[in-house]
Amino acid sequence: MEKFTPGPWTAHGAMVDDYWPVSAEYGEGSVCIARVTCDDDIEIEESRANAFLIAAAPDLLTALQAVHDAGALRDFDREYDMVMAAIAKALLGKE
């Protein structure tokens, strides 16, 4: 999983039907990244928060890569492992 739709991604502030849309600008239009739905187990505010977290994914990945590239975690083994695991999950789909 090396390629994904480039950011920025946007979580829209209002529900559409029964979901929160997350989209990205793509060419002259936009593309749907995700539709975060509500159901009996997930309340509206939790679904909204999930949509905003998904929309932040490209920015979070960029920040983690910058921290790694700067060597900012040299003395923090546990945190370094967490950053590397998150980057691998984002880029390679590895848990």
PDB file of N, CA and C in Angstrom:
ATOM      1  N   MET A   1       0.834  -1.180   0.000  1.00  0.00           N
ATOM      2  CA  MET A   1       0.000   0.000   0.000  1.00  0.00           C
ATOM      3  C   MET A   1       0.874   1.237   0.000  1.00  0.00           C
ATOM      4  N   GLU A   2       1.476   1.545  -1.088  1.00  0.00           N
ATOM      5  CA  GLU A   2       2.382   2.679  -1.123  1.00  0.00           C
ATOM      6  C   GLU A   2       1.729   3.953  -1.623  1.00  0.00           C
ATOM      7  N   LYS A   3       0.599   3.842  -2.274  1.00  0.00           N
ATOM      8  CA  LYS A   3       0.001   5.025  -2.862  1.00  0.00           C
ATOM      9  C   LYS A   3      -1.392   5.254  -2.289  1.00  0.00           C
ATOM     10  N   PHE A   4      -1.642   6.467  -1.913  1.00  0.00           N
ATOM     11  CA  PHE A   4      -2.980   6.846  -1.468  1.00  0.00           C
ATOM     12  C   PHE A   4      -3.296   8.214  -2.034  1.00  0.00           C
ATOM     13  N   THR A   5      -4.541   8.586  -1.986  1.00  0.00           N
ATOM     14  CA  THR A   5      -4.968   9.889  -2.487  1.00  0.00           C
ATOM     15  C   THR A   5      -4.281  10.970  -1.663  1.00  0.00           C
ATOM     16  N   PRO A   6      -3.582  11.881  -2.317  1.00  0.00           N
ATOM     17  CA  PRO A   6      -2.870  12.909  -1.553  1.00  0.00           C
ATOM     18  C   PRO A   6      -3.818  13.811  -0.771  1.00  0.00           C
ATOM     19  N   GLY A   7      -3.322  14.331   0.331  1.00  0.00           N
ATOM     20  CA  GLY A   7      -4.103  15.249   1.136  1.00  0.00           C
ATOM     21  C   GLY A   7      -4.063  16.637   0.529  1.00  0.00           C
ATOM     22  N   PRO A   8      -4.705  17.584   1.113  1.00  0.00           N
ATOM     23  CA  PRO A   8      -5.426  17.418   2.364  1.00  0.00           C
ATOM     24  C   PRO A   8      -6.772  16.732   2.173  1.00  0.00           C
ATOM     25  N   TRP A   9      -7.158  16.002   3.205  1.00  0.00           N
ATOM     26  CA  TRP A   9      -8.478  15.397   3.238  1.00  0.00           C
ATOM     27  C   TRP A   9      -9.362  16.259   4.130  1.00  0.00           C
ATOM     28  N   THR A  10     -10.646  16.274   3.837  1.00  0.00           N
ATOM     29  CA  THR A  10     -11.581  17.124   4.569  1.00  0.00           C
ATOM     30  C   THR A  10     -12.758  16.304   5.076  1.00  0.00           C
ATOM     31  N   ALA A  11     -13.038  16.434   6.356  1.00  0.00           N
ATOM     32  CA  ALA A  11     -14.270  15.871   6.924  1.00  0.00           C
ATOM     33  C   ALA A  11     -15.286  17.004   6.910  1.00  0.00           C
ATOM     34  N   HIS A  12     -16.409  16.736   6.340  1.00  0.00           N
ATOM     35  CA  HIS A  12     -17.424  17.765   6.204  1.00  0.00           C
ATOM     36  C   HIS A  12     -18.186  17.928   7.511  1.00  0.00           C
ATOM     37  N   GLY A  13     -18.553  19.153   7.805  1.00  0.00           N
ATOM     38  CA  GLY A  13     -19.153  19.473   9.087  1.00  0.00           C
ATOM     39  C   GLY A  13     -20.588  19.029   9.260  1.00  0.00           C
ATOM     40  N   ALA A  14     -21.228  18.599   8.195  1.00  0.00           N
ATOM     41  CA  ALA A  14     -22.625  18.189   8.292  1.00  0.00           C
ATOM     42  C   ALA A  14     -22.796  16.786   7.721  1.00  0.00           C
ATOM     43  N   MET A  15     -23.716  16.053   8.320  1.00  0.00           N
ATOM     44  CA  MET A  15     -24.008  14.713   7.827  1.00  0.00           C
ATOM     45  C   MET A  15     -24.710  14.799   6.480  1.00  0.00           C
ATOM     46  N   VAL A  16     -24.489  13.792   5.658  1.00  0.00           N
ATOM     47  CA  VAL A  16     -25.209  13.621   4.402  1.00  0.00           C
ATOM     48  C   VAL A  16     -25.944  12.299   4.534  1.00  0.00           C
ATOM     49  N   ASP A  17     -27.251  12.346   4.478  1.00  0.00           N
ATOM     50  CA  ASP A  17     -28.068  11.153   4.733  1.00  0.00           C
ATOM     51  C   ASP A  17     -27.692  10.596   6.100  1.00  0.00           C
ATOM     52  N   ASP A  18     -27.067   9.426   6.163  1.00  0.00           N
ATOM     53  CA  ASP A  18     -26.725   8.827   7.457  1.00  0.00           C
ATOM     54  C   ASP A  18     -25.224   8.666   7.655  1.00  0.00           C
ATOM     55  N   TYR A  19     -24.421   9.504   6.999  1.00  0.00           N
ATOM     56  CA  TYR A  19     -22.968   9.371   7.124  1.00  0.00           C
ATOM     57  C   TYR A  19     -22.285  10.742   7.084  1.00  0.00           C
ATOM     58  N   TRP A  20     -21.028  10.739   7.597  1.00  0.00           N
ATOM     59  CA  TRP A  20     -20.155  11.908   7.520  1.00  0.00           C
ATOM     60  C   TRP A  20     -19.210  11.678   6.354  1.00  0.00           C
ATOM     61  N   PRO A  21     -19.212  12.523   5.334  1.00  0.00           N
ATOM     62  CA  PRO A  21     -18.291  12.332   4.218  1.00  0.00           C
ATOM     63  C   PRO A  21     -16.889  12.872   4.510  1.00  0.00           C
ATOM     64  N   VAL A  22     -15.905  12.143   4.023  1.00  0.00           N
ATOM     65  CA  VAL A  22     -14.518  12.584   4.049  1.00  0.00           C
ATOM     66  C   VAL A  22     -14.062  12.588   2.600  1.00  0.00           C
ATOM     67  N   SER A  23     -13.517  13.719   2.129  1.00  0.00           N
ATOM     68  CA  SER A  23     -13.146  13.821   0.721  1.00  0.00           C
ATOM     69  C   SER A  23     -11.787  14.489   0.565  1.00  0.00           C
ATOM     70  N   ALA A  24     -11.272  14.410  -0.662  1.00  0.00           N
ATOM     71  CA  ALA A  24     -10.021  15.074  -1.008  1.00  0.00           C
ATOM     72  C   ALA A  24     -10.193  15.761  -2.343  1.00  0.00           C
ATOM     73  N   GLU A  25      -9.525  16.897  -2.491  1.00  0.00           N
ATOM     74  CA  GLU A  25      -9.499  17.557  -3.793  1.00  0.00           C
ATOM     75  C   GLU A  25      -8.728  16.646  -4.746  1.00  0.00           C
ATOM     76  N   TYR A  26      -9.251  16.488  -5.936  1.00  0.00           N
ATOM     77  CA  TYR A  26      -8.620  15.580  -6.895  1.00  0.00           C
ATOM     78  C   TYR A  26      -8.849  16.138  -8.290  1.00  0.00           C
ATOM     79  N   GLY A  27      -7.782  16.598  -8.925  1.00  0.00           N
ATOM     80  CA  GLY A  27      -7.944  17.232 -10.239  1.00  0.00           C
ATOM     81  C   GLY A  27      -8.786  18.481 -10.093  1.00  0.00           C
ATOM     82  N   GLU A  28      -9.829  18.553 -10.887  1.00  0.00           N
ATOM     83  CA  GLU A  28     -10.712  19.719 -10.829  1.00  0.00           C
ATOM     84  C   GLU A  28     -11.935  19.482  -9.964  1.00  0.00           C
ATOM     85  N   GLY A  29     -11.989  18.338  -9.324  1.00  0.00           N
ATOM     86  CA  GLY A  29     -13.137  18.023  -8.476  1.00  0.00           C
ATOM     87  C   GLY A  29     -12.685  17.481  -7.135  1.00  0.00           C
ATOM     88  N   SER A  30     -13.469  16.565  -6.621  1.00  0.00           N
ATOM     89  CA  SER A  30     -13.107  15.930  -5.361  1.00  0.00           C
ATOM     90  C   SER A  30     -13.445  14.449  -5.456  1.00  0.00           C
ATOM     91  N   VAL A  31     -12.848  13.681  -4.576  1.00  0.00           N
ATOM     92  CA  VAL A  31     -13.056  12.243  -4.544  1.00  0.00           C
ATOM     93  C   VAL A  31     -13.437  11.857  -3.118  1.00  0.00           C
ATOM     94  N   CYS A  32     -14.339  10.905  -3.001  1.00  0.00           N
ATOM     95  CA  CYS A  32     -14.760  10.414  -1.691  1.00  0.00           C
ATOM     96  C   CYS A  32     -13.683   9.498  -1.126  1.00  0.00           C
ATOM     97  N   ILE A  33     -13.216   9.795   0.064  1.00  0.00           N
ATOM     98  CA  ILE A  33     -12.237   8.972   0.765  1.00  0.00           C
ATOM     99  C   ILE A  33     -12.960   7.971   1.651  1.00  0.00           C
ATOM    100  N   ALA A  34     -13.980   8.444   2.370  1.00  0.00           N
ATOM    101  CA  ALA A  34     -14.701   7.577   3.297  1.00  0.00           C
ATOM    102  C   ALA A  34     -16.092   8.139   3.563  1.00  0.00           C
ATOM    103  N   ARG A  35     -16.947   7.227   3.954  1.00  0.00           N
ATOM    104  CA  ARG A  35     -18.265   7.589   4.460  1.00  0.00           C
ATOM    105  C   ARG A  35     -18.390   6.946   5.829  1.00  0.00           C
ATOM    106  N   VAL A  36     -18.327   7.759   6.854  1.00  0.00           N
ATOM    107  CA  VAL A  36     -18.373   7.252   8.221  1.00  0.00           C
ATOM    108  C   VAL A  36     -19.828   7.246   8.666  1.00  0.00           C
ATOM    109  N   THR A  37     -20.359   6.065   8.852  1.00  0.00           N
ATOM    110  CA  THR A  37     -21.778   5.926   9.167  1.00  0.00           C
ATOM    111  C   THR A  37     -22.039   5.843  10.654  1.00  0.00           C
ATOM    112  N   CYS A  38     -23.268   6.093  11.005  1.00  0.00           N
ATOM    113  CA  CYS A  38     -23.748   5.913  12.372  1.00  0.00           C
ATOM    114  C   CYS A  38     -24.581   4.629  12.384  1.00  0.00           C
ATOM    115  N   ASP A  39     -24.543   3.933  13.497  1.00  0.00           N
ATOM    116  CA  ASP A  39     -25.428   2.792  13.646  1.00  0.00           C
ATOM    117  C   ASP A  39     -25.822   2.674  15.108  1.00  0.00           C
ATOM    118  N   ASP A  40     -26.415   1.582  15.480  1.00  0.00           N
ATOM    119  CA  ASP A  40     -26.902   1.436  16.851  1.00  0.00           C
ATOM    120  C   ASP A  40     -25.783   1.487  17.892  1.00  0.00           C
ATOM    121  N   ASP A  41     -24.566   1.076  17.505  1.00  0.00           N
ATOM    122  CA  ASP A  41     -23.466   1.011  18.460  1.00  0.00           C
ATOM    123  C   ASP A  41     -22.622   2.286  18.506  1.00  0.00           C
ATOM    124  N   ILE A  42     -22.673   3.090  17.463  1.00  0.00           N
ATOM    125  CA  ILE A  42     -21.857   4.299  17.399  1.00  0.00           C
ATOM    126  C   ILE A  42     -22.770   5.515  17.294  1.00  0.00           C
ATOM    127  N   GLU A  43     -22.618   6.425  18.233  1.00  0.00           N
ATOM    128  CA  GLU A  43     -23.455   7.619  18.250  1.00  0.00           C
ATOM    129  C   GLU A  43     -22.951   8.648  17.240  1.00  0.00           C
ATOM    130  N   ILE A  44     -23.768   9.635  16.965  1.00  0.00           N
ATOM    131  CA  ILE A  44     -23.473  10.643  15.954  1.00  0.00           C
ATOM    132  C   ILE A  44     -22.157  11.363  16.244  1.00  0.00           C
ATOM    133  N   GLU A  45     -21.948  11.810  17.473  1.00  0.00           N
ATOM    134  CA  GLU A  45     -20.728  12.565  17.795  1.00  0.00           C
ATOM    135  C   GLU A  45     -19.481  11.694  17.667  1.00  0.00           C
ATOM    136  N   GLU A  46     -19.587  10.413  17.999  1.00  0.00           N
ATOM    137  CA  GLU A  46     -18.447   9.509  17.842  1.00  0.00           C
ATOM    138  C   GLU A  46     -18.142   9.298  16.359  1.00  0.00           C
ATOM    139  N   SER A  47     -19.165   9.155  15.543  1.00  0.00           N
ATOM    140  CA  SER A  47     -18.968   9.015  14.100  1.00  0.00           C
ATOM    141  C   SER A  47     -18.329  10.263  13.511  1.00  0.00           C
ATOM    142  N   ARG A  48     -18.774  11.419  13.974  1.00  0.00           N
ATOM    143  CA  ARG A  48     -18.196  12.687  13.510  1.00  0.00           C
ATOM    144  C   ARG A  48     -16.720  12.754  13.878  1.00  0.00           C
ATOM    145  N   ALA A  49     -16.388  12.388  15.104  1.00  0.00           N
ATOM    146  CA  ALA A  49     -14.986  12.390  15.544  1.00  0.00           C
ATOM    147  C   ALA A  49     -14.157  11.413  14.710  1.00  0.00           C
ATOM    148  N   ASN A  50     -14.715  10.264  14.373  1.00  0.00           N
ATOM    149  CA  ASN A  50     -14.012   9.298  13.523  1.00  0.00           C
ATOM    150  C   ASN A  50     -13.729   9.891  12.146  1.00  0.00           C
ATOM    151  N   ALA A  51     -14.689  10.623  11.597  1.00  0.00           N
ATOM    152  CA  ALA A  51     -14.499  11.246  10.288  1.00  0.00           C
ATOM    153  C   ALA A  51     -13.366  12.260  10.325  1.00  0.00           C
ATOM    154  N   PHE A  52     -13.301  13.068  11.391  1.00  0.00           N
ATOM    155  CA  PHE A  52     -12.226  14.045  11.506  1.00  0.00           C
ATOM    156  C   PHE A  52     -10.871  13.370  11.700  1.00  0.00           C
ATOM    157  N   LEU A  53     -10.832  12.251  12.413  1.00  0.00           N
ATOM    158  CA  LEU A  53      -9.585  11.502  12.578  1.00  0.00           C
ATOM    159  C   LEU A  53      -9.112  10.945  11.238  1.00  0.00           C
ATOM    160  N   ILE A  54     -10.029  10.402  10.456  1.00  0.00           N
ATOM    161  CA  ILE A  54      -9.675   9.894   9.125  1.00  0.00           C
ATOM    162  C   ILE A  54      -9.143  11.031   8.257  1.00  0.00           C
ATOM    163  N   ALA A  55      -9.797  12.177   8.300  1.00  0.00           N
ATOM    164  CA  ALA A  55      -9.370  13.322   7.491  1.00  0.00           C
ATOM    165  C   ALA A  55      -7.967  13.796   7.875  1.00  0.00           C
ATOM    166  N   ALA A  56      -7.573  13.588   9.112  1.00  0.00           N
ATOM    167  CA  ALA A  56      -6.250  14.024   9.582  1.00  0.00           C
ATOM    168  C   ALA A  56      -5.149  13.038   9.208  1.00  0.00           C
ATOM    169  N   ALA A  57      -5.485  11.867   8.696  1.00  0.00           N
ATOM    170  CA  ALA A  57      -4.497  10.804   8.451  1.00  0.00           C
ATOM    171  C   ALA A  57      -3.294  11.244   7.620  1.00  0.00           C
ATOM    172  N   PRO A  58      -3.456  11.908   6.480  1.00  0.00           N
ATOM    173  CA  PRO A  58      -2.267  12.311   5.723  1.00  0.00           C
ATOM    174  C   PRO A  58      -1.368  13.273   6.496  1.00  0.00           C
ATOM    175  N   ASP A  59      -1.972  14.174   7.263  1.00  0.00           N
ATOM    176  CA  ASP A  59      -1.195  15.123   8.060  1.00  0.00           C
ATOM    177  C   ASP A  59      -0.459  14.413   9.192  1.00  0.00           C
ATOM    178  N   LEU A  60      -1.127  13.453   9.813  1.00  0.00           N
ATOM    179  CA  LEU A  60      -0.491  12.697  10.889  1.00  0.00           C
ATOM    180  C   LEU A  60       0.686  11.883  10.357  1.00  0.00           C
ATOM    181  N   LEU A  61       0.510  11.264   9.188  1.00  0.00           N
ATOM    182  CA  LEU A  61       1.595  10.500   8.591  1.00  0.00           C
ATOM    183  C   LEU A  61       2.781  11.406   8.271  1.00  0.00           C
ATOM    184  N   THR A  62       2.519  12.560   7.695  1.00  0.00           N
ATOM    185  CA  THR A  62       3.587  13.504   7.377  1.00  0.00           C
ATOM    186  C   THR A  62       4.327  13.936   8.639  1.00  0.00           C
ATOM    187  N   ALA A  63       3.592  14.192   9.711  1.00  0.00           N
ATOM    188  CA  ALA A  63       4.217  14.608  10.970  1.00  0.00           C
ATOM    189  C   ALA A  63       5.082  13.488  11.548  1.00  0.00           C
ATOM    190  N   LEU A  64       4.585  12.264  11.513  1.00  0.00           N
ATOM    191  CA  LEU A  64       5.365  11.138  12.029  1.00  0.00           C
ATOM    192  C   LEU A  64       6.641  10.930  11.219  1.00  0.00           C
ATOM    193  N   GLN A  65       6.515  11.047   9.905  1.00  0.00           N
ATOM    194  CA  GLN A  65       7.704  10.892   9.071  1.00  0.00           C
ATOM    195  C   GLN A  65       8.724  11.998   9.353  1.00  0.00           C
ATOM    196  N   ALA A  66       8.255  13.214   9.586  1.00  0.00           N
ATOM    197  CA  ALA A  66       9.161  14.327   9.897  1.00  0.00           C
ATOM    198  C   ALA A  66       9.874  14.102  11.223  1.00  0.00           C
ATOM    199  N   VAL A  67       9.150  13.606  12.226  1.00  0.00           N
ATOM    200  CA  VAL A  67       9.758  13.303  13.523  1.00  0.00           C
ATOM    201  C   VAL A  67      10.822  12.223  13.352  1.00  0.00           C
ATOM    202  N   HIS A  68      10.487  11.190  12.594  1.00  0.00           N
ATOM    203  CA  HIS A  68      11.445  10.108  12.346  1.00  0.00           C
ATOM    204  C   HIS A  68      12.667  10.630  11.605  1.00  0.00           C
ATOM    205  N   ASP A  69      12.442  11.366  10.522  1.00  0.00           N
ATOM    206  CA  ASP A  69      13.545  11.858   9.695  1.00  0.00           C
ATOM    207  C   ASP A  69      14.460  12.816  10.462  1.00  0.00           C
ATOM    208  N   ALA A  70      13.904  13.547  11.412  1.00  0.00           N
ATOM    209  CA  ALA A  70      14.696  14.489  12.208  1.00  0.00           C
ATOM    210  C   ALA A  70      15.509  13.779  13.289  1.00  0.00           C
ATOM    211  N   GLY A  71      15.263  12.492  13.464  1.00  0.00           N
ATOM    212  CA  GLY A  71      15.964  11.751  14.505  1.00  0.00           C
ATOM    213  C   GLY A  71      15.545  12.169  15.898  1.00  0.00           C
ATOM    214  N   ALA A  72      14.353  12.705  16.008  1.00  0.00           N
ATOM    215  CA  ALA A  72      13.895  13.258  17.277  1.00  0.00           C
ATOM    216  C   ALA A  72      13.634  12.200  18.342  1.00  0.00           C
ATOM    217  N   LEU A  73      13.569  10.949  17.957  1.00  0.00           N
ATOM    218  CA  LEU A  73      13.247   9.901  18.928  1.00  0.00           C
ATOM    219  C   LEU A  73      14.436   8.996  19.236  1.00  0.00           C
ATOM    220  N   ARG A  74      15.629   9.447  18.950  1.00  0.00           N
ATOM    221  CA  ARG A  74      16.832   8.635  19.154  1.00  0.00           C
ATOM    222  C   ARG A  74      16.905   8.013  20.537  1.00  0.00           C
ATOM    223  N   ASP A  75      16.540   8.751  21.551  1.00  0.00           N
ATOM    224  CA  ASP A  75      16.681   8.291  22.933  1.00  0.00           C
ATOM    225  C   ASP A  75      15.375   7.751  23.523  1.00  0.00           C
ATOM    226  N   PHE A  76      14.378   7.519  22.671  1.00  0.00           N
ATOM    227  CA  PHE A  76      13.074   7.084  23.155  1.00  0.00           C
ATOM    228  C   PHE A  76      12.652   5.816  22.409  1.00  0.00           C
ATOM    229  N   ASP A  77      13.154   4.689  22.852  1.00  0.00           N
ATOM    230  CA  ASP A  77      12.926   3.428  22.144  1.00  0.00           C
ATOM    231  C   ASP A  77      11.444   3.091  21.979  1.00  0.00           C
ATOM    232  N   ARG A  78      10.681   3.219  23.057  1.00  0.00           N
ATOM    233  CA  ARG A  78       9.255   2.858  22.994  1.00  0.00           C
ATOM    234  C   ARG A  78       8.515   3.764  22.008  1.00  0.00           C
ATOM    235  N   GLU A  79       8.758   5.053  22.094  1.00  0.00           N
ATOM    236  CA  GLU A  79       8.089   5.995  21.204  1.00  0.00           C
ATOM    237  C   GLU A  79       8.527   5.799  19.763  1.00  0.00           C
ATOM    238  N   TYR A  80       9.813   5.509  19.575  1.00  0.00           N
ATOM    239  CA  TYR A  80      10.311   5.233  18.229  1.00  0.00           C
ATOM    240  C   TYR A  80       9.577   4.033  17.637  1.00  0.00           C
ATOM    241  N   ASP A  81       9.415   2.983  18.424  1.00  0.00           N
ATOM    242  CA  ASP A  81       8.702   1.795  17.944  1.00  0.00           C
ATOM    243  C   ASP A  81       7.250   2.127  17.591  1.00  0.00           C
ATOM    244  N   MET A  82       6.623   2.993  18.383  1.00  0.00           N
ATOM    245  CA  MET A  82       5.236   3.389  18.106  1.00  0.00           C
ATOM    246  C   MET A  82       5.147   4.160  16.789  1.00  0.00           C
ATOM    247  N   VAL A  83       6.077   5.083  16.586  1.00  0.00           N
ATOM    248  CA  VAL A  83       6.089   5.875  15.349  1.00  0.00           C
ATOM    249  C   VAL A  83       6.316   4.961  14.149  1.00  0.00           C
ATOM    250  N   MET A  84       7.276   4.063  14.251  1.00  0.00           N
ATOM    251  CA  MET A  84       7.568   3.168  13.136  1.00  0.00           C
ATOM    252  C   MET A  84       6.384   2.239  12.842  1.00  0.00           C
ATOM    253  N   ALA A  85       5.707   1.774  13.878  1.00  0.00           N
ATOM    254  CA  ALA A  85       4.536   0.917  13.682  1.00  0.00           C
ATOM    255  C   ALA A  85       3.411   1.682  12.996  1.00  0.00           C
ATOM    256  N   ALA A  86       3.204   2.940  13.380  1.00  0.00           N
ATOM    257  CA  ALA A  86       2.150   3.745  12.762  1.00  0.00           C
ATOM    258  C   ALA A  86       2.465   4.031  11.299  1.00  0.00           C
ATOM    259  N   ILE A  87       3.726   4.322  10.995  1.00  0.00           N
ATOM    260  CA  ILE A  87       4.122   4.558   9.609  1.00  0.00           C
ATOM    261  C   ILE A  87       3.940   3.293   8.784  1.00  0.00           C
ATOM    262  N   ALA A  88       4.345   2.150   9.320  1.00  0.00           N
ATOM    263  CA  ALA A  88       4.178   0.881   8.612  1.00  0.00           C
ATOM    264  C   ALA A  88       2.711   0.563   8.382  1.00  0.00           C
ATOM    265  N   LYS A  89       1.880   0.839   9.368  1.00  0.00           N
ATOM    266  CA  LYS A  89       0.446   0.602   9.221  1.00  0.00           C
ATOM    267  C   LYS A  89      -0.138   1.476   8.120  1.00  0.00           C
ATOM    268  N   ALA A  90       0.291   2.728   8.084  1.00  0.00           N
ATOM    269  CA  ALA A  90      -0.232   3.659   7.080  1.00  0.00           C
ATOM    270  C   ALA A  90       0.266   3.318   5.667  1.00  0.00           C
ATOM    271  N   LEU A  91       1.537   2.980   5.554  1.00  0.00           N
ATOM    272  CA  LEU A  91       2.109   2.781   4.220  1.00  0.00           C
ATOM    273  C   LEU A  91       2.051   1.336   3.727  1.00  0.00           C
ATOM    274  N   LEU A  92       2.091   0.405   4.646  1.00  0.00           N
ATOM    275  CA  LEU A  92       2.180  -0.999   4.244  1.00  0.00           C
ATOM    276  C   LEU A  92       0.971  -1.830   4.673  1.00  0.00           C
ATOM    277  N   GLY A  93       0.087  -1.237   5.454  1.00  0.00           N
ATOM    278  CA  GLY A  93      -1.076  -1.977   5.930  1.00  0.00           C
ATOM    279  C   GLY A  93      -0.723  -2.997   6.993  1.00  0.00           C
ATOM    280  N   LYS A  94       0.442  -2.849   7.614  1.00  0.00           N
ATOM    281  CA  LYS A  94       0.889  -3.806   8.630  1.00  0.00           C
ATOM    282  C   LYS A  94       0.420  -3.360  10.001  1.00  0.00           C
ATOM    283  N   GLU A  95      -0.096  -4.294  10.754  1.00  0.00           N
ATOM    284  CA  GLU A  95      -0.541  -3.999  12.129  1.00  0.00           C
ATOM    285  C   GLU A  95       0.574  -4.294  13.093  1.00  0.00           C
TER     286      GLU A  95
END
